[in-house]
Amino acid sequence: MEKTCPCGSNFSYIDCCQPYHQIKMLPPTPEALMRSRYTAYAMHLVDYLMETTHPAKRILYNKVDIENWAKKNKWLRLEICQTNNDVVTFKAYYEHQLQLEIHHERSIFKKDGNRWFYFSGSYFS
């Protein structure tokens, strides 16, 4: 049986985020990119996370830090709260040191040519 995609789409991984992770397709919308990035965190695909961050913002991120954070958490599920053009508000549920945590973010995406990139985010407490 095929593994269900971690992004919560109810599709199999190979029919959902895998083509994006393998750069066989580009996510067509900010929500699709958000889902593929969540799955990349769950699967520790740090190179994909860096590649899908807007080039002007990549200098703000460290691959080792991203990988450490991704690996020390158990990713449980993604909830898309709202999408509006280039903005996606979501909740990422994860377990850290046996405690349920919720990362609630409003993310802004920018399109460069025919490709969407994560640009910035603001967090809810």
PDB file of N, CA and C in Angstrom:
ATOM      1  N   MET A   1       0.845  -1.190   0.000  1.00  0.00           N
ATOM      2  CA  MET A   1       0.000   0.000   0.000  1.00  0.00           C
ATOM      3  C   MET A   1       0.881   1.241   0.000  1.00  0.00           C
ATOM      4  N   GLU A   2       0.488   2.242  -0.763  1.00  0.00           N
ATOM      5  CA  GLU A   2       1.270   3.467  -0.858  1.00  0.00           C
ATOM      6  C   GLU A   2       1.092   4.320   0.393  1.00  0.00           C
ATOM      7  N   LYS A   3       2.177   4.972   0.772  1.00  0.00           N
ATOM      8  CA  LYS A   3       2.184   5.820   1.948  1.00  0.00           C
ATOM      9  C   LYS A   3       1.398   7.118   1.683  1.00  0.00           C
ATOM     10  N   THR A   4       0.505   7.478   2.609  1.00  0.00           N
ATOM     11  CA  THR A   4      -0.245   8.728   2.494  1.00  0.00           C
ATOM     12  C   THR A   4       0.698   9.899   2.727  1.00  0.00           C
ATOM     13  N   CYS A   5       0.522  10.952   1.961  1.00  0.00           N
ATOM     14  CA  CYS A   5       1.399  12.116   2.064  1.00  0.00           C
ATOM     15  C   CYS A   5       1.229  12.789   3.428  1.00  0.00           C
ATOM     16  N   PRO A   6       2.327  13.158   4.072  1.00  0.00           N
ATOM     17  CA  PRO A   6       2.244  13.832   5.373  1.00  0.00           C
ATOM     18  C   PRO A   6       1.509  15.177   5.350  1.00  0.00           C
ATOM     19  N   CYS A   7       1.360  15.779   4.177  1.00  0.00           N
ATOM     20  CA  CYS A   7       0.758  17.116   4.093  1.00  0.00           C
ATOM     21  C   CYS A   7      -0.731  17.128   4.384  1.00  0.00           C
ATOM     22  N   GLY A   8      -1.345  15.959   4.489  1.00  0.00           N
ATOM     23  CA  GLY A   8      -2.760  15.903   4.831  1.00  0.00           C
ATOM     24  C   GLY A   8      -3.707  15.970   3.644  1.00  0.00           C
ATOM     25  N   SER A   9      -3.195  15.819   2.450  1.00  0.00           N
ATOM     26  CA  SER A   9      -4.029  15.904   1.252  1.00  0.00           C
ATOM     27  C   SER A   9      -4.911  14.663   1.041  1.00  0.00           C
ATOM     28  N   ASN A  10      -4.594  13.578   1.718  1.00  0.00           N
ATOM     29  CA  ASN A  10      -5.232  12.274   1.559  1.00  0.00           C
ATOM     30  C   ASN A  10      -4.838  11.576   0.255  1.00  0.00           C
ATOM     31  N   PHE A  11      -3.855  12.120  -0.458  1.00  0.00           N
ATOM     32  CA  PHE A  11      -3.282  11.455  -1.619  1.00  0.00           C
ATOM     33  C   PHE A  11      -2.031  10.705  -1.171  1.00  0.00           C
ATOM     34  N   SER A  12      -1.585   9.787  -2.004  1.00  0.00           N
ATOM     35  CA  SER A  12      -0.335   9.107  -1.690  1.00  0.00           C
ATOM     36  C   SER A  12       0.810  10.100  -1.886  1.00  0.00           C
ATOM     37  N   TYR A  13       1.903   9.857  -1.191  1.00  0.00           N
ATOM     38  CA  TYR A  13       3.076  10.732  -1.310  1.00  0.00           C
ATOM     39  C   TYR A  13       3.551  10.817  -2.757  1.00  0.00           C
ATOM     40  N   ILE A  14       3.570   9.687  -3.468  1.00  0.00           N
ATOM     41  CA  ILE A  14       4.083   9.704  -4.846  1.00  0.00           C
ATOM     42  C   ILE A  14       3.179  10.497  -5.793  1.00  0.00           C
ATOM     43  N   ASP A  15       1.895  10.649  -5.439  1.00  0.00           N
ATOM     44  CA  ASP A  15       0.957  11.415  -6.259  1.00  0.00           C
ATOM     45  C   ASP A  15       0.753  12.836  -5.738  1.00  0.00           C
ATOM     46  N   CYS A  16       1.466  13.190  -4.692  1.00  0.00           N
ATOM     47  CA  CYS A  16       1.256  14.500  -4.071  1.00  0.00           C
ATOM     48  C   CYS A  16       2.561  15.302  -4.054  1.00  0.00           C
ATOM     49  N   CYS A  17       3.316  15.218  -2.985  1.00  0.00           N
ATOM     50  CA  CYS A  17       4.504  16.060  -2.805  1.00  0.00           C
ATOM     51  C   CYS A  17       5.786  15.508  -3.426  1.00  0.00           C
ATOM     52  N   GLN A  18       5.862  14.208  -3.649  1.00  0.00           N
ATOM     53  CA  GLN A  18       7.105  13.644  -4.184  1.00  0.00           C
ATOM     54  C   GLN A  18       7.544  14.290  -5.510  1.00  0.00           C
ATOM     55  N   PRO A  19       6.648  14.516  -6.478  1.00  0.00           N
ATOM     56  CA  PRO A  19       7.110  15.151  -7.715  1.00  0.00           C
ATOM     57  C   PRO A  19       7.721  16.542  -7.492  1.00  0.00           C
ATOM     58  N   TYR A  20       7.242  17.255  -6.496  1.00  0.00           N
ATOM     59  CA  TYR A  20       7.828  18.563  -6.159  1.00  0.00           C
ATOM     60  C   TYR A  20       9.202  18.375  -5.529  1.00  0.00           C
ATOM     61  N   HIS A  21       9.296  17.422  -4.616  1.00  0.00           N
ATOM     62  CA  HIS A  21      10.574  17.165  -3.936  1.00  0.00           C
ATOM     63  C   HIS A  21      11.645  16.696  -4.905  1.00  0.00           C
ATOM     64  N   GLN A  22      11.240  15.984  -5.928  1.00  0.00           N
ATOM     65  CA  GLN A  22      12.189  15.500  -6.926  1.00  0.00           C
ATOM     66  C   GLN A  22      12.376  16.493  -8.081  1.00  0.00           C
ATOM     67  N   ILE A  23      11.767  17.670  -7.955  1.00  0.00           N
ATOM     68  CA  ILE A  23      11.829  18.747  -8.946  1.00  0.00           C
ATOM     69  C   ILE A  23      11.354  18.268 -10.325  1.00  0.00           C
ATOM     70  N   LYS A  24      10.405  17.339 -10.338  1.00  0.00           N
ATOM     71  CA  LYS A  24       9.789  16.899 -11.592  1.00  0.00           C
ATOM     72  C   LYS A  24       8.645  17.825 -11.978  1.00  0.00           C
ATOM     73  N   MET A  25       8.101  18.500 -10.965  1.00  0.00           N
ATOM     74  CA  MET A  25       7.029  19.483 -11.145  1.00  0.00           C
ATOM     75  C   MET A  25       7.267  20.616 -10.163  1.00  0.00           C
ATOM     76  N   LEU A  26       6.719  21.776 -10.466  1.00  0.00           N
ATOM     77  CA  LEU A  26       6.760  22.904  -9.546  1.00  0.00           C
ATOM     78  C   LEU A  26       5.393  23.058  -8.898  1.00  0.00           C
ATOM     79  N   PRO A  27       5.340  23.331  -7.599  1.00  0.00           N
ATOM     80  CA  PRO A  27       4.043  23.559  -6.973  1.00  0.00           C
ATOM     81  C   PRO A  27       3.329  24.726  -7.664  1.00  0.00           C
ATOM     82  N   PRO A  28       2.083  24.514  -8.118  1.00  0.00           N
ATOM     83  CA  PRO A  28       1.398  25.544  -8.889  1.00  0.00           C
ATOM     84  C   PRO A  28       0.813  26.688  -8.067  1.00  0.00           C
ATOM     85  N   THR A  29       0.697  26.498  -6.746  1.00  0.00           N
ATOM     86  CA  THR A  29       0.079  27.512  -5.886  1.00  0.00           C
ATOM     87  C   THR A  29       0.870  27.639  -4.587  1.00  0.00           C
ATOM     88  N   PRO A  30       0.680  28.755  -3.879  1.00  0.00           N
ATOM     89  CA  PRO A  30       1.312  28.870  -2.568  1.00  0.00           C
ATOM     90  C   PRO A  30       0.892  27.750  -1.603  1.00  0.00           C
ATOM     91  N   GLU A  31      -0.370  27.335  -1.646  1.00  0.00           N
ATOM     92  CA  GLU A  31      -0.799  26.247  -0.757  1.00  0.00           C
ATOM     93  C   GLU A  31      -0.082  24.945  -1.084  1.00  0.00           C
ATOM     94  N   ALA A  32       0.063  24.638  -2.365  1.00  0.00           N
ATOM     95  CA  ALA A  32       0.784  23.420  -2.751  1.00  0.00           C
ATOM     96  C   ALA A  32       2.234  23.485  -2.289  1.00  0.00           C
ATOM     97  N   LEU A  33       2.847  24.661  -2.394  1.00  0.00           N
ATOM     98  CA  LEU A  33       4.223  24.822  -1.908  1.00  0.00           C
ATOM     99  C   LEU A  33       4.272  24.666  -0.396  1.00  0.00           C
ATOM    100  N   MET A  34       3.300  25.252   0.314  1.00  0.00           N
ATOM    101  CA  MET A  34       3.257  25.125   1.773  1.00  0.00           C
ATOM    102  C   MET A  34       3.153  23.660   2.169  1.00  0.00           C
ATOM    103  N   ARG A  35       2.279  22.923   1.515  1.00  0.00           N
ATOM    104  CA  ARG A  35       2.115  21.503   1.827  1.00  0.00           C
ATOM    105  C   ARG A  35       3.408  20.737   1.557  1.00  0.00           C
ATOM    106  N   SER A  36       4.056  21.032   0.449  1.00  0.00           N
ATOM    107  CA  SER A  36       5.301  20.322   0.122  1.00  0.00           C
ATOM    108  C   SER A  36       6.414  20.680   1.096  1.00  0.00           C
ATOM    109  N   ARG A  37       6.425  21.900   1.602  1.00  0.00           N
ATOM    110  CA  ARG A  37       7.438  22.300   2.588  1.00  0.00           C
ATOM    111  C   ARG A  37       7.181  21.616   3.931  1.00  0.00           C
ATOM    112  N   TYR A  38       5.915  21.514   4.348  1.00  0.00           N
ATOM    113  CA  TYR A  38       5.608  20.788   5.577  1.00  0.00           C
ATOM    114  C   TYR A  38       6.101  19.342   5.457  1.00  0.00           C
ATOM    115  N   THR A  39       5.786  18.717   4.333  1.00  0.00           N
ATOM    116  CA  THR A  39       6.222  17.338   4.112  1.00  0.00           C
ATOM    117  C   THR A  39       7.742  17.244   4.116  1.00  0.00           C
ATOM    118  N   ALA A  40       8.401  18.253   3.574  1.00  0.00           N
ATOM    119  CA  ALA A  40       9.872  18.269   3.581  1.00  0.00           C
ATOM    120  C   ALA A  40      10.402  18.335   5.015  1.00  0.00           C
ATOM    121  N   TYR A  41       9.754  19.099   5.890  1.00  0.00           N
ATOM    122  CA  TYR A  41      10.160  19.102   7.299  1.00  0.00           C
ATOM    123  C   TYR A  41       9.964  17.711   7.894  1.00  0.00           C
ATOM    124  N   ALA A  42       8.814  17.109   7.627  1.00  0.00           N
ATOM    125  CA  ALA A  42       8.510  15.789   8.191  1.00  0.00           C
ATOM    126  C   ALA A  42       9.484  14.722   7.697  1.00  0.00           C
ATOM    127  N   MET A  43       9.993  14.904   6.481  1.00  0.00           N
ATOM    128  CA  MET A  43      10.894  13.914   5.886  1.00  0.00           C
ATOM    129  C   MET A  43      12.361  14.366   5.914  1.00  0.00           C
ATOM    130  N   HIS A  44      12.623  15.501   6.537  1.00  0.00           N
ATOM    131  CA  HIS A  44      13.976  16.042   6.704  1.00  0.00           C
ATOM    132  C   HIS A  44      14.658  16.350   5.373  1.00  0.00           C
ATOM    133  N   LEU A  45      13.921  16.898   4.439  1.00  0.00           N
ATOM    134  CA  LEU A  45      14.444  17.246   3.111  1.00  0.00           C
ATOM    135  C   LEU A  45      14.912  18.700   3.109  1.00  0.00           C
ATOM    136  N   VAL A  46      16.022  18.915   3.748  1.00  0.00           N
ATOM    137  CA  VAL A  46      16.522  20.270   3.997  1.00  0.00           C
ATOM    138  C   VAL A  46      16.891  20.994   2.707  1.00  0.00           C
ATOM    139  N   ASP A  47      17.456  20.296   1.758  1.00  0.00           N
ATOM    140  CA  ASP A  47      17.815  20.939   0.491  1.00  0.00           C
ATOM    141  C   ASP A  47      16.575  21.516  -0.193  1.00  0.00           C
ATOM    142  N   TYR A  48      15.480  20.787  -0.145  1.00  0.00           N
ATOM    143  CA  TYR A  48      14.236  21.275  -0.739  1.00  0.00           C
ATOM    144  C   TYR A  48      13.746  22.531  -0.010  1.00  0.00           C
ATOM    145  N   LEU A  49      13.849  22.526   1.296  1.00  0.00           N
ATOM    146  CA  LEU A  49      13.428  23.695   2.069  1.00  0.00           C
ATOM    147  C   LEU A  49      14.252  24.924   1.703  1.00  0.00           C
ATOM    148  N   MET A  50      15.527  24.744   1.535  1.00  0.00           N
ATOM    149  CA  MET A  50      16.384  25.867   1.133  1.00  0.00           C
ATOM    150  C   MET A  50      16.059  26.318  -0.292  1.00  0.00           C
ATOM    151  N   GLU A  51      15.875  25.366  -1.198  1.00  0.00           N
ATOM    152  CA  GLU A  51      15.593  25.684  -2.603  1.00  0.00           C
ATOM    153  C   GLU A  51      14.273  26.415  -2.784  1.00  0.00           C
ATOM    154  N   THR A  52      13.311  26.154  -1.899  1.00  0.00           N
ATOM    155  CA  THR A  52      11.997  26.778  -2.029  1.00  0.00           C
ATOM    156  C   THR A  52      11.852  28.042  -1.191  1.00  0.00           C
ATOM    157  N   THR A  53      12.933  28.443  -0.545  1.00  0.00           N
ATOM    158  CA  THR A  53      12.977  29.739   0.134  1.00  0.00           C
ATOM    159  C   THR A  53      13.446  30.763  -0.891  1.00  0.00           C
ATOM    160  N   HIS A  54      12.810  31.904  -0.905  1.00  0.00           N
ATOM    161  CA  HIS A  54      13.152  32.938  -1.886  1.00  0.00           C
ATOM    162  C   HIS A  54      14.649  33.243  -1.818  1.00  0.00           C
ATOM    163  N   PRO A  55      15.316  33.340  -2.972  1.00  0.00           N
ATOM    164  CA  PRO A  55      16.766  33.584  -2.979  1.00  0.00           C
ATOM    165  C   PRO A  55      17.202  34.794  -2.136  1.00  0.00           C
ATOM    166  N   ALA A  56      16.387  35.823  -2.080  1.00  0.00           N
ATOM    167  CA  ALA A  56      16.733  37.008  -1.294  1.00  0.00           C
ATOM    168  C   ALA A  56      16.698  36.742   0.212  1.00  0.00           C
ATOM    169  N   LYS A  57      16.057  35.655   0.624  1.00  0.00           N
ATOM    170  CA  LYS A  57      15.901  35.345   2.054  1.00  0.00           C
ATOM    171  C   LYS A  57      16.750  34.168   2.525  1.00  0.00           C
ATOM    172  N   ARG A  58      17.350  33.423   1.608  1.00  0.00           N
ATOM    173  CA  ARG A  58      18.093  32.211   1.994  1.00  0.00           C
ATOM    174  C   ARG A  58      19.226  32.486   2.964  1.00  0.00           C
ATOM    175  N   ILE A  59      19.842  33.627   2.858  1.00  0.00           N
ATOM    176  CA  ILE A  59      20.971  33.950   3.735  1.00  0.00           C
ATOM    177  C   ILE A  59      20.552  33.979   5.211  1.00  0.00           C
ATOM    178  N   LEU A  60      19.256  34.133   5.466  1.00  0.00           N
ATOM    179  CA  LEU A  60      18.742  34.192   6.833  1.00  0.00           C
ATOM    180  C   LEU A  60      18.590  32.811   7.469  1.00  0.00           C
ATOM    181  N   TYR A  61      18.780  31.761   6.675  1.00  0.00           N
ATOM    182  CA  TYR A  61      18.537  30.404   7.156  1.00  0.00           C
ATOM    183  C   TYR A  61      19.806  29.566   7.116  1.00  0.00           C
ATOM    184  N   ASN A  62      19.900  28.628   8.042  1.00  0.00           N
ATOM    185  CA  ASN A  62      21.050  27.747   8.160  1.00  0.00           C
ATOM    186  C   ASN A  62      20.574  26.307   8.005  1.00  0.00           C
ATOM    187  N   LYS A  63      21.146  25.590   7.042  1.00  0.00           N
ATOM    188  CA  LYS A  63      20.718  24.219   6.773  1.00  0.00           C
ATOM    189  C   LYS A  63      20.858  23.297   7.981  1.00  0.00           C
ATOM    190  N   VAL A  64      21.934  23.449   8.715  1.00  0.00           N
ATOM    191  CA  VAL A  64      22.153  22.582   9.887  1.00  0.00           C
ATOM    192  C   VAL A  64      21.078  22.833  10.938  1.00  0.00           C
ATOM    193  N   ASP A  65      20.758  24.096  11.186  1.00  0.00           N
ATOM    194  CA  ASP A  65      19.714  24.421  12.164  1.00  0.00           C
ATOM    195  C   ASP A  65      18.353  23.883  11.726  1.00  0.00           C
ATOM    196  N   ILE A  66      18.039  24.031  10.450  1.00  0.00           N
ATOM    197  CA  ILE A  66      16.761  23.520   9.938  1.00  0.00           C
ATOM    198  C   ILE A  66      16.692  22.003  10.098  1.00  0.00           C
ATOM    199  N   GLU A  67      17.762  21.334   9.724  1.00  0.00           N
ATOM    200  CA  GLU A  67      17.786  19.875   9.829  1.00  0.00           C
ATOM    201  C   GLU A  67      17.656  19.417  11.285  1.00  0.00           C
ATOM    202  N   ASN A  68      18.373  20.055  12.185  1.00  0.00           N
ATOM    203  CA  ASN A  68      18.284  19.698  13.603  1.00  0.00           C
ATOM    204  C   ASN A  68      16.871  19.872  14.132  1.00  0.00           C
ATOM    205  N   TRP A  69      16.236  21.011  13.795  1.00  0.00           N
ATOM    206  CA  TRP A  69      14.878  21.272  14.277  1.00  0.00           C
ATOM    207  C   TRP A  69      13.903  20.262  13.681  1.00  0.00           C
ATOM    208  N   ALA A  70      14.039  19.984  12.392  1.00  0.00           N
ATOM    209  CA  ALA A  70      13.139  19.028  11.740  1.00  0.00           C
ATOM    210  C   ALA A  70      13.263  17.638  12.357  1.00  0.00           C
ATOM    211  N   LYS A  71      14.479  17.218  12.640  1.00  0.00           N
ATOM    212  CA  LYS A  71      14.709  15.868  13.153  1.00  0.00           C
ATOM    213  C   LYS A  71      14.350  15.699  14.626  1.00  0.00           C
ATOM    214  N   LYS A  72      14.404  16.757  15.402  1.00  0.00           N
ATOM    215  CA  LYS A  72      14.118  16.590  16.830  1.00  0.00           C
ATOM    216  C   LYS A  72      12.627  16.644  17.151  1.00  0.00           C
ATOM    217  N   ASN A  73      11.809  16.818  16.119  1.00  0.00           N
ATOM    218  CA  ASN A  73      10.362  16.856  16.301  1.00  0.00           C
ATOM    219  C   ASN A  73       9.701  15.724  15.539  1.00  0.00           C
ATOM    220  N   LYS A  74       8.570  15.272  16.062  1.00  0.00           N
ATOM    221  CA  LYS A  74       7.752  14.289  15.366  1.00  0.00           C
ATOM    222  C   LYS A  74       6.586  15.071  14.759  1.00  0.00           C
ATOM    223  N   TRP A  75       6.539  15.101  13.435  1.00  0.00           N
ATOM    224  CA  TRP A  75       5.548  15.896  12.715  1.00  0.00           C
ATOM    225  C   TRP A  75       4.249  15.115  12.636  1.00  0.00           C
ATOM    226  N   LEU A  76       3.160  15.691  13.148  1.00  0.00           N
ATOM    227  CA  LEU A  76       1.895  14.981  13.286  1.00  0.00           C
ATOM    228  C   LEU A  76       0.890  15.288  12.181  1.00  0.00           C
ATOM    229  N   ARG A  77       0.687  16.582  11.910  1.00  0.00           N
ATOM    230  CA  ARG A  77      -0.263  16.927  10.849  1.00  0.00           C
ATOM    231  C   ARG A  77      -0.191  18.408  10.520  1.00  0.00           C
ATOM    232  N   LEU A  78      -0.717  18.719   9.349  1.00  0.00           N
ATOM    233  CA  LEU A  78      -0.783  20.097   8.862  1.00  0.00           C
ATOM    234  C   LEU A  78      -2.240  20.479   8.703  1.00  0.00           C
ATOM    235  N   GLU A  79      -2.572  21.666   9.182  1.00  0.00           N
ATOM    236  CA  GLU A  79      -3.914  22.218   8.999  1.00  0.00           C
ATOM    237  C   GLU A  79      -3.774  23.544   8.251  1.00  0.00           C
ATOM    238  N   ILE A  80      -4.358  23.618   7.066  1.00  0.00           N
ATOM    239  CA  ILE A  80      -4.393  24.872   6.325  1.00  0.00           C
ATOM    240  C   ILE A  80      -5.599  25.649   6.837  1.00  0.00           C
ATOM    241  N   CYS A  81      -5.364  26.799   7.427  1.00  0.00           N
ATOM    242  CA  CYS A  81      -6.437  27.602   8.010  1.00  0.00           C
ATOM    243  C   CYS A  81      -7.083  28.521   6.974  1.00  0.00           C
ATOM    244  N   GLN A  82      -6.233  29.129   6.129  1.00  0.00           N
ATOM    245  CA  GLN A  82      -6.745  30.069   5.142  1.00  0.00           C
ATOM    246  C   GLN A  82      -5.706  30.269   4.042  1.00  0.00           C
ATOM    247  N   THR A  83      -6.186  30.419   2.825  1.00  0.00           N
ATOM    248  CA  THR A  83      -5.321  30.805   1.716  1.00  0.00           C
ATOM    249  C   THR A  83      -5.947  32.025   1.060  1.00  0.00           C
ATOM    250  N   ASN A  84      -5.096  32.973   0.696  1.00  0.00           N
ATOM    251  CA  ASN A  84      -5.568  34.199   0.064  1.00  0.00           C
ATOM    252  C   ASN A  84      -4.454  34.712  -0.841  1.00  0.00           C
ATOM    253  N   ASN A  85      -4.571  34.434  -2.135  1.00  0.00           N
ATOM    254  CA  ASN A  85      -3.555  34.822  -3.121  1.00  0.00           C
ATOM    255  C   ASN A  85      -2.188  34.275  -2.728  1.00  0.00           C
ATOM    256  N   ASP A  86      -1.281  35.142  -2.274  1.00  0.00           N
ATOM    257  CA  ASP A  86       0.080  34.722  -1.950  1.00  0.00           C
ATOM    258  C   ASP A  86       0.313  34.490  -0.459  1.00  0.00           C
ATOM    259  N   VAL A  87      -0.766  34.380   0.314  1.00  0.00           N
ATOM    260  CA  VAL A  87      -0.663  34.192   1.766  1.00  0.00           C
ATOM    261  C   VAL A  87      -1.348  32.889   2.168  1.00  0.00           C
ATOM    262  N   VAL A  88      -0.641  32.105   2.988  1.00  0.00           N
ATOM    263  CA  VAL A  88      -1.210  30.868   3.522  1.00  0.00           C
ATOM    264  C   VAL A  88      -1.047  30.898   5.037  1.00  0.00           C
ATOM    265  N   THR A  89      -2.145  30.752   5.735  1.00  0.00           N
ATOM    266  CA  THR A  89      -2.121  30.643   7.188  1.00  0.00           C
ATOM    267  C   THR A  89      -2.336  29.174   7.531  1.00  0.00           C
ATOM    268  N   PHE A  90      -1.469  28.666   8.398  1.00  0.00           N
ATOM    269  CA  PHE A  90      -1.509  27.231   8.695  1.00  0.00           C
ATOM    270  C   PHE A  90      -1.132  26.967  10.140  1.00  0.00           C
ATOM    271  N   LYS A  91      -1.418  25.738  10.565  1.00  0.00           N
ATOM    272  CA  LYS A  91      -0.970  25.211  11.846  1.00  0.00           C
ATOM    273  C   LYS A  91      -0.257  23.896  11.566  1.00  0.00           C
ATOM    274  N   ALA A  92       0.962  23.792  12.030  1.00  0.00           N
ATOM    275  CA  ALA A  92       1.725  22.550  11.931  1.00  0.00           C
ATOM    276  C   ALA A  92       1.782  21.952  13.336  1.00  0.00           C
ATOM    277  N   TYR A  93       1.228  20.776  13.488  1.00  0.00           N
ATOM    278  CA  TYR A  93       1.206  20.095  14.778  1.00  0.00           C
ATOM    279  C   TYR A  93       2.391  19.138  14.836  1.00  0.00           C
ATOM    280  N   TYR A  94       3.107  19.208  15.950  1.00  0.00           N
ATOM    281  CA  TYR A  94       4.256  18.326  16.099  1.00  0.00           C
ATOM    282  C   TYR A  94       4.474  18.041  17.576  1.00  0.00           C
ATOM    283  N   GLU A  95       5.229  16.976  17.824  1.00  0.00           N
ATOM    284  CA  GLU A  95       5.553  16.585  19.187  1.00  0.00           C
ATOM    285  C   GLU A  95       7.024  16.881  19.425  1.00  0.00           C
ATOM    286  N   HIS A  96       7.282  17.602  20.503  1.00  0.00           N
ATOM    287  CA  HIS A  96       8.651  17.927  20.886  1.00  0.00           C
ATOM    288  C   HIS A  96       8.833  17.533  22.350  1.00  0.00           C
ATOM    289  N   GLN A  97       9.759  16.628  22.593  1.00  0.00           N
ATOM    290  CA  GLN A  97      10.027  16.122  23.945  1.00  0.00           C
ATOM    291  C   GLN A  97       8.737  15.678  24.634  1.00  0.00           C
ATOM    292  N   LEU A  98       7.961  14.873  23.883  1.00  0.00           N
ATOM    293  CA  LEU A  98       6.709  14.271  24.355  1.00  0.00           C
ATOM    294  C   LEU A  98       5.604  15.283  24.648  1.00  0.00           C
ATOM    295  N   GLN A  99       5.736  16.498  24.139  1.00  0.00           N
ATOM    296  CA  GLN A  99       4.706  17.516  24.344  1.00  0.00           C
ATOM    297  C   GLN A  99       4.187  17.991  22.982  1.00  0.00           C
ATOM    298  N   LEU A 100       2.865  18.092  22.876  1.00  0.00           N
ATOM    299  CA  LEU A 100       2.244  18.582  21.648  1.00  0.00           C
ATOM    300  C   LEU A 100       2.529  20.081  21.491  1.00  0.00           C
ATOM    301  N   GLU A 101       3.001  20.451  20.322  1.00  0.00           N
ATOM    302  CA  GLU A 101       3.272  21.850  19.993  1.00  0.00           C
ATOM    303  C   GLU A 101       2.512  22.195  18.716  1.00  0.00           C
ATOM    304  N   ILE A 102       2.168  23.470  18.582  1.00  0.00           N
ATOM    305  CA  ILE A 102       1.500  23.949  17.371  1.00  0.00           C
ATOM    306  C   ILE A 102       2.258  25.164  16.862  1.00  0.00           C
ATOM    307  N   HIS A 103       2.745  25.054  15.651  1.00  0.00           N
ATOM    308  CA  HIS A 103       3.407  26.176  14.978  1.00  0.00           C
ATOM    309  C   HIS A 103       2.336  26.824  14.094  1.00  0.00           C
ATOM    310  N   HIS A 104       1.866  28.008  14.502  1.00  0.00           N
ATOM    311  CA  HIS A 104       0.791  28.713  13.798  1.00  0.00           C
ATOM    312  C   HIS A 104       1.428  29.909  13.100  1.00  0.00           C
ATOM    313  N   GLU A 105       1.345  29.909  11.779  1.00  0.00           N
ATOM    314  CA  GLU A 105       2.070  30.912  10.997  1.00  0.00           C
ATOM    315  C   GLU A 105       1.223  31.449   9.849  1.00  0.00           C
ATOM    316  N   ARG A 106       1.462  32.693   9.545  1.00  0.00           N
ATOM    317  CA  ARG A 106       0.924  33.342   8.342  1.00  0.00           C
ATOM    318  C   ARG A 106       2.121  33.537   7.417  1.00  0.00           C
ATOM    319  N   SER A 107       2.174  32.761   6.329  1.00  0.00           N
ATOM    320  CA  SER A 107       3.318  32.780   5.424  1.00  0.00           C
ATOM    321  C   SER A 107       3.000  33.568   4.159  1.00  0.00           C
ATOM    322  N   ILE A 108       3.998  34.304   3.711  1.00  0.00           N
ATOM    323  CA  ILE A 108       3.892  35.045   2.457  1.00  0.00           C
ATOM    324  C   ILE A 108       4.783  34.366   1.434  1.00  0.00           C
ATOM    325  N   PHE A 109       4.235  34.160   0.254  1.00  0.00           N
ATOM    326  CA  PHE A 109       4.949  33.522  -0.843  1.00  0.00           C
ATOM    327  C   PHE A 109       5.096  34.522  -1.985  1.00  0.00           C
ATOM    328  N   LYS A 110       6.179  34.419  -2.713  1.00  0.00           N
ATOM    329  CA  LYS A 110       6.442  35.302  -3.862  1.00  0.00           C
ATOM    330  C   LYS A 110       6.669  34.433  -5.089  1.00  0.00           C
ATOM    331  N   LYS A 111       6.130  34.890  -6.203  1.00  0.00           N
ATOM    332  CA  LYS A 111       6.338  34.176  -7.455  1.00  0.00           C
ATOM    333  C   LYS A 111       7.445  34.866  -8.230  1.00  0.00           C
ATOM    334  N   ASP A 112       8.408  34.077  -8.648  1.00  0.00           N
ATOM    335  CA  ASP A 112       9.533  34.572  -9.433  1.00  0.00           C
ATOM    336  C   ASP A 112       9.544  33.769 -10.726  1.00  0.00           C
ATOM    337  N   GLY A 113       9.196  34.407 -11.821  1.00  0.00           N
ATOM    338  CA  GLY A 113       9.019  33.672 -13.068  1.00  0.00           C
ATOM    339  C   GLY A 113       7.801  32.779 -12.936  1.00  0.00           C
ATOM    340  N   ASN A 114       7.971  31.481 -13.142  1.00  0.00           N
ATOM    341  CA  ASN A 114       6.848  30.544 -13.011  1.00  0.00           C
ATOM    342  C   ASN A 114       6.926  29.726 -11.722  1.00  0.00           C
ATOM    343  N   ARG A 115       7.733  30.182 -10.775  1.00  0.00           N
ATOM    344  CA  ARG A 115       7.996  29.395  -9.566  1.00  0.00           C
ATOM    345  C   ARG A 115       7.654  30.175  -8.299  1.00  0.00           C
ATOM    346  N   TRP A 116       6.930  29.516  -7.393  1.00  0.00           N
ATOM    347  CA  TRP A 116       6.610  30.094  -6.086  1.00  0.00           C
ATOM    348  C   TRP A 116       7.737  29.802  -5.100  1.00  0.00           C
ATOM    349  N   PHE A 117       7.968  30.769  -4.189  1.00  0.00           N
ATOM    350  CA  PHE A 117       8.958  30.633  -3.125  1.00  0.00           C
ATOM    351  C   PHE A 117       8.350  31.093  -1.803  1.00  0.00           C
ATOM    352  N   TYR A 118       8.779  30.469  -0.710  1.00  0.00           N
ATOM    353  CA  TYR A 118       8.469  30.985   0.624  1.00  0.00           C
ATOM    354  C   TYR A 118       9.262  32.271   0.796  1.00  0.00           C
ATOM    355  N   PHE A 119       8.605  33.339   1.241  1.00  0.00           N
ATOM    356  CA  PHE A 119       9.278  34.619   1.394  1.00  0.00           C
ATOM    357  C   PHE A 119       9.449  35.020   2.863  1.00  0.00           C
ATOM    358  N   SER A 120       8.363  34.980   3.607  1.00  0.00           N
ATOM    359  CA  SER A 120       8.465  35.363   5.020  1.00  0.00           C
ATOM    360  C   SER A 120       7.245  34.845   5.767  1.00  0.00           C
ATOM    361  N   GLY A 121       7.333  34.900   7.085  1.00  0.00           N
ATOM    362  CA  GLY A 121       6.223  34.448   7.900  1.00  0.00           C
ATOM    363  C   GLY A 121       6.127  35.217   9.199  1.00  0.00           C
ATOM    364  N   SER A 122       4.927  35.313   9.703  1.00  0.00           N
ATOM    365  CA  SER A 122       4.708  35.885  11.030  1.00  0.00           C
ATOM    366  C   SER A 122       3.967  34.830  11.849  1.00  0.00           C
ATOM    367  N   TYR A 123       4.289  34.791  13.124  1.00  0.00           N
ATOM    368  CA  TYR A 123       3.829  33.715  13.990  1.00  0.00           C
ATOM    369  C   TYR A 123       2.755  34.205  14.958  1.00  0.00           C
ATOM    370  N   PHE A 124       1.833  33.325  15.245  1.00  0.00           N
ATOM    371  CA  PHE A 124       0.794  33.571  16.255  1.00  0.00           C
ATOM    372  C   PHE A 124       1.234  32.839  17.518  1.00  0.00           C
ATOM    373  N   SER A 125       0.926  33.418  18.659  1.00  0.00           N
ATOM    374  CA  SER A 125       1.296  32.724  19.910  1.00  0.00           C
ATOM    375  C   SER A 125       0.098  32.038  20.507  1.00  0.00           C
TER     376      SER A 125
END
